[in-house]
């Protein structure tokens, strides 16, 4: 599915499953926000964000269920947490570590005036973010496959559609920034779930009864 079709279809998914996804997005935010705020005073607390990985994996599991069945029940969140908490921890650690390394590299080179290397670090961080968008839904959908195979599948998917992947990453960044700017409420309750639906629509193959939407 193209990035534009994924964004449009995810909006319809969000509408049909709005109150359930509201609850799940809010549950994830209820853990993440206090840790982020606490980390402003006690930076080591930010390490606890890795523990948000299982919650995010549970939300992604629900997004995958919607994409595959067009239905969702809240108990799927518990099922997803039970099935994917280990993989969620690994994905959370990878996301946190890669982001921290990228931000540190940008700051390191920018302060020393190595602007070419700083710009290169920005591009690498953007590429890492786009890779994460494809990796997460595939990691949950292909839970029975080894992590290395899933990562290879995600890398091939990115390389086969690099422009579409970057367009989707950029669009979802804008959506979540708007959610943050709008008094945080949409971000805390809906835009993360919408993003998960969009990347699941983009990354996963259509079912036998679905036609890919261009």
Protein backbone atom coordinates (compact mmCIF):
# COMPACT_ATOMS: atom_id res chain seq x y z
CA UNK A 1 0.00 0.00 0.00
CA UNK A 2 1.31 3.46 -0.87
CA UNK A 3 2.03 6.00 1.86
CA UNK A 4 -0.94 8.16 0.86
CA UNK A 5 -3.33 5.21 0.84
CA UNK A 6 -1.96 4.05 4.20
CA UNK A 7 -2.61 7.47 5.73
CA UNK A 8 -6.15 7.64 4.35
CA UNK A 9 -7.06 4.09 5.33
CA UNK A 10 -5.60 4.56 8.82
CA UNK A 11 -7.88 7.57 9.29
CA UNK A 12 -10.89 5.37 8.51
CA UNK A 13 -9.57 2.69 10.89
CA UNK A 14 -9.16 5.27 13.63
CA UNK A 15 -12.72 6.48 13.12
CA UNK A 16 -14.23 3.00 13.34
CA UNK A 17 -12.16 1.96 16.38
CA UNK A 18 -11.82 5.39 17.96
CA UNK A 19 -12.79 4.74 21.59
CA UNK A 20 -10.73 1.54 21.86
CA UNK A 21 -7.66 3.14 20.32
CA UNK A 22 -8.23 6.20 22.51
CA UNK A 23 -7.97 3.99 25.60
CA UNK A 24 -4.88 2.17 24.34
CA UNK A 25 -3.07 5.34 23.25
CA UNK A 26 -3.90 6.96 26.59
CA UNK A 27 -2.57 3.93 28.49
CA UNK A 28 0.76 4.17 26.68
CA UNK A 29 0.92 7.92 27.34
CA UNK A 30 0.10 7.42 31.02
CA UNK A 31 3.39 5.55 31.37
CA UNK A 32 5.58 7.59 29.01
CA UNK A 33 4.64 11.14 30.04
CA UNK A 34 5.53 10.88 33.78
CA UNK A 35 8.88 9.26 32.87
CA UNK A 36 9.69 12.01 30.36
CA UNK A 37 8.72 14.77 32.79
CA UNK A 38 10.59 13.13 35.66
CA UNK A 39 13.65 12.79 33.45
CA UNK A 40 13.83 16.57 33.09
CA UNK A 41 14.90 16.66 36.74
CA UNK A 42 16.45 13.20 37.05
CA UNK A 43 17.87 12.26 33.60
CA UNK A 44 18.57 8.59 34.49
CA UNK A 45 14.80 8.09 34.69
CA UNK A 46 14.70 8.33 30.91
CA UNK A 47 16.20 4.83 30.82
CA UNK A 48 12.78 3.62 31.96
CA UNK A 49 11.41 4.56 28.55
CA UNK A 50 12.73 1.19 27.36
CA UNK A 51 9.94 -0.32 29.45
CA UNK A 52 7.44 1.43 27.20
CA UNK A 53 8.50 -1.01 24.48
CA UNK A 54 6.11 -3.79 25.59
CA UNK A 55 3.22 -1.32 25.82
CA UNK A 56 4.02 0.00 22.36
CA UNK A 57 4.24 -3.58 21.07
CA UNK A 58 0.80 -4.26 22.54
CA UNK A 59 -0.60 -1.19 20.77
CA UNK A 60 1.08 -2.27 17.52
CA UNK A 61 -0.43 -5.74 17.95
CA UNK A 62 -3.86 -4.09 18.12
CA UNK A 63 -3.07 -2.06 15.00
CA UNK A 64 -2.07 -5.26 13.18
CA UNK A 65 -5.32 -6.93 14.28
CA UNK A 66 -7.30 -4.01 12.86
CA UNK A 67 -5.39 -4.16 9.58
CA UNK A 68 -5.85 -7.92 9.21
CA UNK A 69 -9.45 -8.23 10.44
CA UNK A 70 -10.99 -4.71 10.50
CA UNK A 71 -12.11 -5.54 14.04
CA UNK A 72 -10.68 -4.91 17.51
CA UNK A 73 -11.57 -5.86 21.05
CA UNK A 74 -9.80 -4.39 24.07
CA UNK A 75 -8.68 -7.81 25.26
CA UNK A 76 -6.33 -7.88 22.27
CA UNK A 77 -4.15 -5.41 24.18
CA UNK A 78 -3.61 -8.00 26.91
CA UNK A 79 -3.00 -10.71 24.32
CA UNK A 80 -0.49 -8.49 22.55
CA UNK A 81 1.34 -7.67 25.77
CA UNK A 82 1.60 -11.33 26.70
CA UNK A 83 2.79 -12.38 23.26
CA UNK A 84 5.19 -9.58 22.44
CA UNK A 85 6.62 -8.13 25.67
CA UNK A 86 10.09 -9.58 25.09
CA UNK A 87 10.23 -8.36 21.51
CA UNK A 88 8.80 -5.04 22.68
CA UNK A 89 11.65 -4.63 25.16
CA UNK A 90 14.19 -5.35 22.42
CA UNK A 91 12.54 -2.95 19.99
CA UNK A 92 12.27 -0.27 22.67
CA UNK A 93 15.95 -0.63 23.55
CA UNK A 94 16.92 -0.45 19.87
CA UNK A 95 14.80 2.66 19.29
CA UNK A 96 16.05 4.41 22.42
CA UNK A 97 19.70 3.50 21.81
CA UNK A 98 19.64 4.45 18.13
CA UNK A 99 17.91 7.75 18.78
CA UNK A 100 20.28 8.65 21.64
CA UNK A 101 23.30 7.80 19.50
CA UNK A 102 21.98 9.83 16.58
CA UNK A 103 21.19 12.90 18.67
CA UNK A 104 24.58 12.69 20.36
CA UNK A 105 26.35 12.44 17.00
CA UNK A 106 24.50 15.48 15.63
CA UNK A 107 25.34 17.52 18.72
CA UNK A 108 28.96 16.32 18.80
CA UNK A 109 29.72 17.25 15.20
CA UNK A 110 27.69 20.47 15.22
CA UNK A 111 29.51 21.85 18.27
CA UNK A 112 32.88 21.11 16.63
CA UNK A 113 31.91 22.79 13.39
CA UNK A 114 31.92 19.58 11.35
CA UNK A 115 28.71 20.53 9.57
CA UNK A 116 29.03 17.92 6.82
CA UNK A 117 29.23 15.14 9.40
CA UNK A 118 26.41 16.71 11.41
CA UNK A 119 24.17 16.78 8.33
CA UNK A 120 25.14 13.19 7.55
CA UNK A 121 24.17 12.22 11.09
CA UNK A 122 20.78 13.91 10.58
CA UNK A 123 20.16 11.90 7.42
CA UNK A 124 21.20 8.68 9.15
CA UNK A 125 18.86 9.43 12.04
CA UNK A 126 15.99 10.05 9.60
CA UNK A 127 16.78 6.78 7.82
CA UNK A 128 16.82 5.00 11.19
CA UNK A 129 13.40 6.47 11.98
CA UNK A 130 11.97 5.32 8.65
CA UNK A 131 13.41 1.85 9.28
CA UNK A 132 11.69 1.73 12.67
CA UNK A 133 8.35 2.55 11.08
CA UNK A 134 8.56 -0.59 8.96
CA UNK A 135 10.34 -2.76 11.52
CA UNK A 136 7.74 -2.50 14.30
CA UNK A 137 4.68 -3.78 12.42
CA UNK A 138 6.70 -6.52 10.75
CA UNK A 139 8.24 -7.57 14.08
CA UNK A 140 4.78 -8.01 15.57
CA UNK A 141 3.19 -9.57 12.47
CA UNK A 142 6.12 -11.97 12.01
CA UNK A 143 6.55 -12.73 15.69
CA UNK A 144 7.51 -16.33 14.98
CA UNK A 145 10.49 -15.36 12.81
CA UNK A 146 13.96 -14.62 14.24
CA UNK A 147 14.67 -10.94 14.84
CA UNK A 148 17.52 -10.93 12.31
CA UNK A 149 15.21 -12.18 9.54
CA UNK A 150 12.57 -9.60 10.42
CA UNK A 151 15.17 -6.82 10.37
CA UNK A 152 16.36 -7.99 6.95
CA UNK A 153 12.78 -8.03 5.68
CA UNK A 154 12.26 -4.48 6.98
CA UNK A 155 15.49 -3.27 5.37
CA UNK A 156 14.49 -4.75 2.02
CA UNK A 157 11.06 -3.14 2.30
CA UNK A 158 12.65 0.27 2.93
CA UNK A 159 15.10 -0.11 0.04
CA UNK A 160 12.33 -1.16 -2.33
CA UNK A 161 10.27 1.96 -1.50
CA UNK A 162 12.64 4.58 -0.09
CA UNK A 163 10.69 7.65 -1.22
CA UNK A 164 7.34 6.29 -0.02
CA UNK A 165 8.91 5.37 3.33
CA UNK A 166 10.34 8.85 3.83
CA UNK A 167 7.06 10.47 2.79
CA UNK A 168 5.20 8.39 5.36
CA UNK A 169 7.78 9.17 8.04
CA UNK A 170 7.56 12.88 7.29
CA UNK A 171 3.76 12.89 7.27
CA UNK A 172 3.52 11.07 10.59
CA UNK A 173 6.10 13.39 12.12
CA UNK A 174 3.93 16.36 11.14
CA UNK A 175 0.79 14.66 12.49
CA UNK A 176 2.39 14.00 15.87
CA UNK A 177 3.95 17.47 16.07
CA UNK A 178 0.50 18.94 15.47
CA UNK A 179 -0.81 16.67 18.20
CA UNK A 180 1.89 17.93 20.56
CA UNK A 181 1.19 21.56 19.67
CA UNK A 182 -2.54 21.16 20.24
CA UNK A 183 -2.20 21.15 24.02
CA UNK A 184 -0.79 17.60 23.91
CA UNK A 185 -4.26 16.05 24.02
CA UNK A 186 -4.39 14.53 20.50
CA UNK A 187 -0.84 13.16 20.85
CA UNK A 188 -1.62 11.61 24.21
CA UNK A 189 -4.85 10.01 23.06
CA UNK A 190 -4.96 9.44 19.30
CA UNK A 191 -2.02 10.38 17.06
CA UNK A 192 0.31 7.59 18.22
CA UNK A 193 -2.40 4.99 17.57
CA UNK A 194 -3.07 6.59 14.18
CA UNK A 195 0.64 6.38 13.36
CA UNK A 196 0.72 2.69 14.26
CA UNK A 197 -2.27 2.01 12.05
CA UNK A 198 -0.68 3.88 9.14
CA UNK A 199 2.64 2.04 9.34
CA UNK A 200 0.86 -1.31 9.69
CA UNK A 201 -1.19 -0.53 6.58
CA UNK A 202 1.98 0.51 4.77
CA UNK A 203 4.24 -2.36 5.80
CA UNK A 204 1.99 -5.41 5.90
CA UNK A 205 0.84 -7.34 2.82
CA UNK A 206 -2.89 -7.28 2.05
CA UNK A 207 -4.99 -10.24 3.11
CA UNK A 208 -6.39 -12.60 0.52
CA UNK A 209 -9.69 -10.71 0.67
CA UNK A 210 -8.15 -7.26 0.43
CA UNK A 211 -6.94 -5.42 -2.59
CA UNK A 212 -3.92 -3.17 -2.27
CA UNK A 213 -5.00 0.45 -2.47
CA UNK A 214 -2.76 2.73 -4.56
